[in-house]
Amino acid sequence: VLRHLEGPAEGRSAAATPSAPAEAPAAPPPPP
């Protein structure tokens, strides 16, 4: 399990993050 968690994170983050809506509102400007 630890070896799996320490492996490349790209595949896990892509699989775990839901896709954004097609017409998502523009993000507010970042705070200072």
Full PDB file with SEQRES, HELIX, SHEET, SSBOND, CRYST1, ORIGX, SCALE, CONECT and MASTER records, all heavy atoms in Angstrom:
SEQRES   1 A   32  VAL LEU ARG HIS LEU GLU GLY PRO ALA GLU GLY ARG SER          
SEQRES   2 A   32  ALA ALA ALA THR PRO SER ALA PRO ALA GLU ALA PRO ALA          
SEQRES   3 A   32  ALA PRO PRO PRO PRO PRO                                      
HELIX    1 AA1 LEU A    2  LEU A    5  1                                   4    
HELIX    2 AA2 GLU A   10  ALA A   16  1                                   7    
CRYST1    1.000    1.000    1.000  90.00  90.00  90.00 P 1           1          
ORIGX1      1.000000  0.000000  0.000000        0.00000                         
ORIGX2      0.000000  1.000000  0.000000        0.00000                         
ORIGX3      0.000000  0.000000  1.000000        0.00000                         
SCALE1      1.000000  0.000000  0.000000        0.00000                         
SCALE2      0.000000  1.000000  0.000000        0.00000                         
SCALE3      0.000000  0.000000  1.000000        0.00000                         
ATOM      1  N   VAL A   1       0.841  -1.201   0.000  1.00  0.00           N  
ATOM      2  CA  VAL A   1       0.000   0.000   0.000  1.00  0.00           C  
ATOM      3  C   VAL A   1       0.874   1.248   0.000  1.00  0.00           C  
ATOM      4  O   VAL A   1       0.627   2.201  -0.752  1.00  0.00           O  
ATOM      5  CB  VAL A   1      -0.943  -0.003   1.227  1.00  0.00           C  
ATOM      6  CG1 VAL A   1      -1.817   1.241   1.228  1.00  0.00           C  
ATOM      7  CG2 VAL A   1      -1.811  -1.251   1.235  1.00  0.00           C  
ATOM      8  N   LEU A   2       1.896   1.258   0.861  1.00  0.00           N  
ATOM      9  CA  LEU A   2       2.784   2.420   0.922  1.00  0.00           C  
ATOM     10  C   LEU A   2       3.506   2.626  -0.396  1.00  0.00           C  
ATOM     11  O   LEU A   2       3.676   3.761  -0.854  1.00  0.00           O  
ATOM     12  CB  LEU A   2       3.800   2.245   2.060  1.00  0.00           C  
ATOM     13  CG  LEU A   2       3.212   2.126   3.471  1.00  0.00           C  
ATOM     14  CD1 LEU A   2       4.308   1.913   4.487  1.00  0.00           C  
ATOM     15  CD2 LEU A   2       2.391   3.363   3.817  1.00  0.00           C  
ATOM     16  N   ARG A   3       3.923   1.533  -1.015  1.00  0.00           N  
ATOM     17  CA  ARG A   3       4.611   1.638  -2.306  1.00  0.00           C  
ATOM     18  C   ARG A   3       3.683   2.206  -3.366  1.00  0.00           C  
ATOM     19  O   ARG A   3       4.085   3.014  -4.206  1.00  0.00           O  
ATOM     20  CB  ARG A   3       5.136   0.259  -2.718  1.00  0.00           C  
ATOM     21  CG  ARG A   3       6.083   0.293  -3.906  1.00  0.00           C  
ATOM     22  CD  ARG A   3       6.571  -1.092  -4.278  1.00  0.00           C  
ATOM     23  NE  ARG A   3       7.213  -1.767  -3.168  1.00  0.00           N  
ATOM     24  CZ  ARG A   3       6.694  -2.790  -2.509  1.00  0.00           C  
ATOM     25  NH1 ARG A   3       5.515  -3.265  -2.874  1.00  0.00           N  
ATOM     26  NH2 ARG A   3       7.332  -3.353  -1.509  1.00  0.00           N  
ATOM     27  N   HIS A   4       2.418   1.797  -3.309  1.00  0.00           N  
ATOM     28  CA  HIS A   4       1.427   2.310  -4.264  1.00  0.00           C  
ATOM     29  C   HIS A   4       1.206   3.809  -4.054  1.00  0.00           C  
ATOM     30  O   HIS A   4       1.120   4.576  -5.012  1.00  0.00           O  
ATOM     31  CB  HIS A   4       0.102   1.555  -4.095  1.00  0.00           C  
ATOM     32  CG  HIS A   4      -0.972   2.016  -5.022  1.00  0.00           C  
ATOM     33  ND1 HIS A   4      -1.098   1.536  -6.303  1.00  0.00           N  
ATOM     34  CD2 HIS A   4      -1.974   2.924  -4.857  1.00  0.00           C  
ATOM     35  CE1 HIS A   4      -2.129   2.130  -6.886  1.00  0.00           C  
ATOM     36  NE2 HIS A   4      -2.678   2.971  -6.028  1.00  0.00           N  
ATOM     37  N   LEU A   5       1.142   4.219  -2.770  1.00  0.00           N  
ATOM     38  CA  LEU A   5       0.916   5.636  -2.477  1.00  0.00           C  
ATOM     39  C   LEU A   5       2.112   6.497  -2.836  1.00  0.00           C  
ATOM     40  O   LEU A   5       1.969   7.674  -3.176  1.00  0.00           O  
ATOM     41  CB  LEU A   5       0.599   5.807  -0.987  1.00  0.00           C  
ATOM     42  CG  LEU A   5      -0.724   5.187  -0.508  1.00  0.00           C  
ATOM     43  CD1 LEU A   5      -0.848   5.309   0.992  1.00  0.00           C  
ATOM     44  CD2 LEU A   5      -1.902   5.859  -1.203  1.00  0.00           C  
ATOM     45  N   GLU A   6       3.306   5.919  -2.752  1.00  0.00           N  
ATOM     46  CA  GLU A   6       4.516   6.674  -3.067  1.00  0.00           C  
ATOM     47  C   GLU A   6       4.837   6.688  -4.546  1.00  0.00           C  
ATOM     48  O   GLU A   6       5.773   7.350  -4.968  1.00  0.00           O  
ATOM     49  CB  GLU A   6       5.708   6.091  -2.303  1.00  0.00           C  
ATOM     50  CG  GLU A   6       5.605   6.262  -0.798  1.00  0.00           C  
ATOM     51  CD  GLU A   6       6.672   5.493  -0.060  1.00  0.00           C  
ATOM     52  OE1 GLU A   6       7.457   4.795  -0.739  1.00  0.00           O  
ATOM     53  OE2 GLU A   6       6.715   5.562   1.181  1.00  0.00           O  
ATOM     54  N   GLY A   7       4.041   5.958  -5.351  1.00  0.00           N  
ATOM     55  CA  GLY A   7       4.294   5.893  -6.782  1.00  0.00           C  
ATOM     56  C   GLY A   7       3.899   7.171  -7.482  1.00  0.00           C  
ATOM     57  O   GLY A   7       3.535   8.178  -6.864  1.00  0.00           O  
ATOM     58  N   PRO A   8       3.965   7.176  -8.846  1.00  0.00           N  
ATOM     59  CA  PRO A   8       3.599   8.373  -9.612  1.00  0.00           C  
ATOM     60  C   PRO A   8       2.192   8.825  -9.272  1.00  0.00           C  
ATOM     61  O   PRO A   8       1.253   8.040  -9.259  1.00  0.00           O  
ATOM     62  CB  PRO A   8       3.703   7.899 -11.072  1.00  0.00           C  
ATOM     63  CG  PRO A   8       4.618   6.739 -11.024  1.00  0.00           C  
ATOM     64  CD  PRO A   8       4.377   6.073  -9.702  1.00  0.00           C  
ATOM     65  N   ALA A   9       2.031  10.104  -8.971  1.00  0.00           N  
ATOM     66  CA  ALA A   9       0.752  10.623  -8.499  1.00  0.00           C  
ATOM     67  C   ALA A   9      -0.160  11.063  -9.618  1.00  0.00           C  
ATOM     68  O   ALA A   9      -1.337  11.327  -9.394  1.00  0.00           O  
ATOM     69  CB  ALA A   9       0.998  11.818  -7.559  1.00  0.00           C  
ATOM     70  N   GLU A  10       0.371  11.171 -10.891  1.00  0.00           N  
ATOM     71  CA  GLU A  10      -0.459  11.726 -11.942  1.00  0.00           C  
ATOM     72  C   GLU A  10      -1.704  10.894 -12.194  1.00  0.00           C  
ATOM     73  O   GLU A  10      -2.815  11.388 -12.291  1.00  0.00           O  
ATOM     74  CB  GLU A  10       0.341  11.836 -13.249  1.00  0.00           C  
ATOM     75  CG  GLU A  10       1.457  12.865 -13.204  1.00  0.00           C  
ATOM     76  CD  GLU A  10       2.706  12.350 -12.508  1.00  0.00           C  
ATOM     77  OE1 GLU A  10       2.689  11.192 -12.082  1.00  0.00           O  
ATOM     78  OE2 GLU A  10       3.681  13.111 -12.394  1.00  0.00           O  
ATOM     79  N   GLY A  11      -1.485   9.556 -12.272  1.00  0.00           N  
ATOM     80  CA  GLY A  11      -2.623   8.699 -12.579  1.00  0.00           C  
ATOM     81  C   GLY A  11      -3.654   8.720 -11.487  1.00  0.00           C  
ATOM     82  O   GLY A  11      -4.851   8.717 -11.736  1.00  0.00           O  
ATOM     83  N   ARG A  12      -3.203   8.758 -10.202  1.00  0.00           N  
ATOM     84  CA  ARG A  12      -4.176   8.732  -9.108  1.00  0.00           C  
ATOM     85  C   ARG A  12      -4.958  10.024  -9.037  1.00  0.00           C  
ATOM     86  O   ARG A  12      -6.159  10.035  -8.848  1.00  0.00           O  
ATOM     87  CB  ARG A  12      -3.453   8.480  -7.783  1.00  0.00           C  
ATOM     88  CG  ARG A  12      -2.798   7.139  -7.671  1.00  0.00           C  
ATOM     89  CD  ARG A  12      -2.497   6.824  -6.207  1.00  0.00           C  
ATOM     90  NE  ARG A  12      -1.754   7.878  -5.584  1.00  0.00           N  
ATOM     91  CZ  ARG A  12      -0.422   7.962  -5.626  1.00  0.00           C  
ATOM     92  NH1 ARG A  12       0.262   7.062  -6.289  1.00  0.00           N  
ATOM     93  NH2 ARG A  12       0.222   8.937  -5.008  1.00  0.00           N  
ATOM     94  N   SER A  13      -4.274  11.167  -9.196  1.00  0.00           N  
ATOM     95  CA  SER A  13      -4.986  12.426  -9.066  1.00  0.00           C  
ATOM     96  C   SER A  13      -5.961  12.599 -10.206  1.00  0.00           C  
ATOM     97  O   SER A  13      -7.053  13.136 -10.043  1.00  0.00           O  
ATOM     98  CB  SER A  13      -3.981  13.585  -9.041  1.00  0.00           C  
ATOM     99  OG  SER A  13      -3.194  13.580 -10.220  1.00  0.00           O  
ATOM    100  N   ALA A  14      -5.567  12.123 -11.411  1.00  0.00           N  
ATOM    101  CA  ALA A  14      -6.472  12.248 -12.534  1.00  0.00           C  
ATOM    102  C   ALA A  14      -7.690  11.387 -12.346  1.00  0.00           C  
ATOM    103  O   ALA A  14      -8.806  11.759 -12.693  1.00  0.00           O  
ATOM    104  CB  ALA A  14      -5.739  11.870 -13.832  1.00  0.00           C  
ATOM    105  N   ALA A  15      -7.498  10.190 -11.763  1.00  0.00           N  
ATOM    106  CA  ALA A  15      -8.633   9.289 -11.579  1.00  0.00           C  
ATOM    107  C   ALA A  15      -9.521   9.751 -10.454  1.00  0.00           C  
ATOM    108  O   ALA A  15     -10.728   9.550 -10.468  1.00  0.00           O  
ATOM    109  CB  ALA A  15      -8.125   7.880 -11.308  1.00  0.00           C  
ATOM    110  N   ALA A  16      -8.921  10.386  -9.422  1.00  0.00           N  
ATOM    111  CA  ALA A  16      -9.705  10.749  -8.257  1.00  0.00           C  
ATOM    112  C   ALA A  16     -10.427  12.067  -8.431  1.00  0.00           C  
ATOM    113  O   ALA A  16     -11.411  12.338  -7.747  1.00  0.00           O  
ATOM    114  CB  ALA A  16      -8.801  10.827  -7.025  1.00  0.00           C  
ATOM    115  N   THR A  17      -9.967  12.958  -9.337  1.00  0.00           N  
ATOM    116  CA  THR A  17     -10.559  14.283  -9.488  1.00  0.00           C  
ATOM    117  C   THR A  17     -11.656  14.236 -10.524  1.00  0.00           C  
ATOM    118  O   THR A  17     -11.432  13.853 -11.666  1.00  0.00           O  
ATOM    119  CB  THR A  17      -9.485  15.298  -9.916  1.00  0.00           C  
ATOM    120  OG1 THR A  17      -8.424  15.257  -8.972  1.00  0.00           O  
ATOM    121  CG2 THR A  17     -10.067  16.705  -9.987  1.00  0.00           C  
ATOM    122  N   PRO A  18     -12.896  14.604 -10.186  1.00  0.00           N  
ATOM    123  CA  PRO A  18     -13.973  14.590 -11.175  1.00  0.00           C  
ATOM    124  C   PRO A  18     -13.731  15.643 -12.238  1.00  0.00           C  
ATOM    125  O   PRO A  18     -13.123  16.677 -11.996  1.00  0.00           O  
ATOM    126  CB  PRO A  18     -15.221  14.888 -10.329  1.00  0.00           C  
ATOM    127  CG  PRO A  18     -14.703  15.615  -9.130  1.00  0.00           C  
ATOM    128  CD  PRO A  18     -13.354  15.068  -8.864  1.00  0.00           C  
ATOM    129  N   SER A  19     -14.217  15.345 -13.447  1.00  0.00           N  
ATOM    130  CA  SER A  19     -14.041  16.293 -14.544  1.00  0.00           C  
ATOM    131  C   SER A  19     -14.862  17.534 -14.297  1.00  0.00           C  
ATOM    132  O   SER A  19     -15.956  17.491 -13.720  1.00  0.00           O  
ATOM    133  CB  SER A  19     -14.447  15.626 -15.864  1.00  0.00           C  
ATOM    134  OG  SER A  19     -15.782  15.194 -15.788  1.00  0.00           O  
ATOM    135  N   ALA A  20     -14.363  18.689 -14.738  1.00  0.00           N  
ATOM    136  CA  ALA A  20     -15.041  19.959 -14.516  1.00  0.00           C  
ATOM    137  C   ALA A  20     -16.229  20.075 -15.445  1.00  0.00           C  
ATOM    138  O   ALA A  20     -16.272  19.478 -16.520  1.00  0.00           O  
ATOM    139  CB  ALA A  20     -14.057  21.098 -14.757  1.00  0.00           C  
ATOM    140  N   PRO A  21     -17.260  20.848 -15.068  1.00  0.00           N  
ATOM    141  CA  PRO A  21     -18.405  21.058 -15.961  1.00  0.00           C  
ATOM    142  C   PRO A  21     -17.958  21.700 -17.257  1.00  0.00           C  
ATOM    143  O   PRO A  21     -16.940  22.396 -17.325  1.00  0.00           O  
ATOM    144  CB  PRO A  21     -19.324  21.967 -15.142  1.00  0.00           C  
ATOM    145  CG  PRO A  21     -18.886  21.811 -13.729  1.00  0.00           C  
ATOM    146  CD  PRO A  21     -17.438  21.505 -13.782  1.00  0.00           C  
ATOM    147  N   ALA A  22     -18.763  21.513 -18.294  1.00  0.00           N  
ATOM    148  CA  ALA A  22     -18.395  22.034 -19.609  1.00  0.00           C  
ATOM    149  C   ALA A  22     -18.315  23.544 -19.605  1.00  0.00           C  
ATOM    150  O   ALA A  22     -17.463  24.143 -20.267  1.00  0.00           O  
ATOM    151  CB  ALA A  22     -19.405  21.553 -20.662  1.00  0.00           C  
ATOM    152  N   GLU A  23     -19.221  24.232 -18.895  1.00  0.00           N  
ATOM    153  CA  GLU A  23     -19.235  25.687 -18.888  1.00  0.00           C  
ATOM    154  C   GLU A  23     -19.046  26.179 -17.468  1.00  0.00           C  
ATOM    155  O   GLU A  23     -19.920  26.768 -16.862  1.00  0.00           O  
ATOM    156  CB  GLU A  23     -20.548  26.210 -19.479  1.00  0.00           C  
ATOM    157  CG  GLU A  23     -20.750  25.802 -20.950  1.00  0.00           C  
ATOM    158  CD  GLU A  23     -22.050  26.356 -21.507  1.00  0.00           C  
ATOM    159  OE1 GLU A  23     -22.771  27.018 -20.734  1.00  0.00           O  
ATOM    160  OE2 GLU A  23     -22.324  26.137 -22.677  1.00  0.00           O  
ATOM    161  N   ALA A  24     -17.893  25.929 -16.894  1.00  0.00           N  
ATOM    162  CA  ALA A  24     -17.632  26.361 -15.528  1.00  0.00           C  
ATOM    163  C   ALA A  24     -17.421  27.858 -15.505  1.00  0.00           C  
ATOM    164  O   ALA A  24     -16.799  28.420 -16.414  1.00  0.00           O  
ATOM    165  CB  ALA A  24     -16.399  25.656 -14.979  1.00  0.00           C  
ATOM    166  N   PRO A  25     -17.928  28.559 -14.466  1.00  0.00           N  
ATOM    167  CA  PRO A  25     -17.728  30.012 -14.384  1.00  0.00           C  
ATOM    168  C   PRO A  25     -16.255  30.326 -14.190  1.00  0.00           C  
ATOM    169  O   PRO A  25     -15.492  29.542 -13.655  1.00  0.00           O  
ATOM    170  CB  PRO A  25     -18.552  30.406 -13.151  1.00  0.00           C  
ATOM    171  CG  PRO A  25     -18.649  29.155 -12.346  1.00  0.00           C  
ATOM    172  CD  PRO A  25     -18.701  28.042 -13.346  1.00  0.00           C  
ATOM    173  N   ALA A  26     -15.903  31.518 -14.660  1.00  0.00           N  
ATOM    174  CA  ALA A  26     -14.506  31.933 -14.542  1.00  0.00           C  
ATOM    175  C   ALA A  26     -14.113  32.025 -13.092  1.00  0.00           C  
ATOM    176  O   ALA A  26     -14.890  32.468 -12.242  1.00  0.00           O  
ATOM    177  CB  ALA A  26     -14.295  33.277 -15.234  1.00  0.00           C  
ATOM    178  N   ALA A  27     -12.907  31.602 -12.795  1.00  0.00           N  
ATOM    179  CA  ALA A  27     -12.425  31.630 -11.415  1.00  0.00           C  
ATOM    180  C   ALA A  27     -12.131  33.062 -11.000  1.00  0.00           C  
ATOM    181  O   ALA A  27     -11.671  33.873 -11.815  1.00  0.00           O  
ATOM    182  CB  ALA A  27     -11.173  30.781 -11.282  1.00  0.00           C  
ATOM    183  N   PRO A  28     -12.425  33.402  -9.731  1.00  0.00           N  
ATOM    184  CA  PRO A  28     -12.129  34.763  -9.274  1.00  0.00           C  
ATOM    185  C   PRO A  28     -10.627  34.988  -9.241  1.00  0.00           C  
ATOM    186  O   PRO A  28      -9.842  34.047  -9.146  1.00  0.00           O  
ATOM    187  CB  PRO A  28     -12.721  34.780  -7.854  1.00  0.00           C  
ATOM    188  CG  PRO A  28     -12.730  33.359  -7.443  1.00  0.00           C  
ATOM    189  CD  PRO A  28     -13.005  32.578  -8.693  1.00  0.00           C  
ATOM    190  N   PRO A  29     -10.225  36.254  -9.349  1.00  0.00           N  
ATOM    191  CA  PRO A  29      -8.780  36.525  -9.336  1.00  0.00           C  
ATOM    192  C   PRO A  29      -8.170  36.084  -8.034  1.00  0.00           C  
ATOM    193  O   PRO A  29      -8.818  36.134  -6.980  1.00  0.00           O  
ATOM    194  CB  PRO A  29      -8.704  38.059  -9.498  1.00  0.00           C  
ATOM    195  CG  PRO A  29     -10.034  38.551  -9.044  1.00  0.00           C  
ATOM    196  CD  PRO A  29     -11.022  37.492  -9.430  1.00  0.00           C  
ATOM    197  N   PRO A  30      -6.935  35.610  -8.065  1.00  0.00           N  
ATOM    198  CA  PRO A  30      -6.301  35.116  -6.838  1.00  0.00           C  
ATOM    199  C   PRO A  30      -6.081  36.255  -5.854  1.00  0.00           C  
ATOM    200  O   PRO A  30      -5.848  37.403  -6.251  1.00  0.00           O  
ATOM    201  CB  PRO A  30      -4.969  34.540  -7.332  1.00  0.00           C  
ATOM    202  CG  PRO A  30      -4.698  35.267  -8.607  1.00  0.00           C  
ATOM    203  CD  PRO A  30      -6.037  35.550  -9.221  1.00  0.00           C  
ATOM    204  N   PRO A  31      -6.182  35.957  -4.540  1.00  0.00           N  
ATOM    205  CA  PRO A  31      -5.940  36.995  -3.539  1.00  0.00           C  
ATOM    206  C   PRO A  31      -4.476  37.376  -3.521  1.00  0.00           C  
ATOM    207  O   PRO A  31      -3.617  36.638  -4.008  1.00  0.00           O  
ATOM    208  CB  PRO A  31      -6.341  36.297  -2.231  1.00  0.00           C  
ATOM    209  CG  PRO A  31      -6.134  34.857  -2.497  1.00  0.00           C  
ATOM    210  CD  PRO A  31      -6.479  34.663  -3.947  1.00  0.00           C  
ATOM    211  N   PRO A  32      -4.197  38.580  -2.988  1.00  0.00           N  
ATOM    212  CA  PRO A  32      -2.786  38.991  -2.932  1.00  0.00           C  
ATOM    213  C   PRO A  32      -1.992  38.028  -2.084  1.00  0.00           C  
ATOM    214  O   PRO A  32      -2.519  37.416  -1.154  1.00  0.00           O  
ATOM    215  CB  PRO A  32      -2.860  40.385  -2.287  1.00  0.00           C  
ATOM    216  CG  PRO A  32      -4.164  40.403  -1.566  1.00  0.00           C  
ATOM    217  CD  PRO A  32      -5.090  39.568  -2.386  1.00  0.00           C  
TER     218      PRO A  32                                                      
MASTER        0    0    0    2    0    0    0    6  217    1    0    3          
END                                                                             
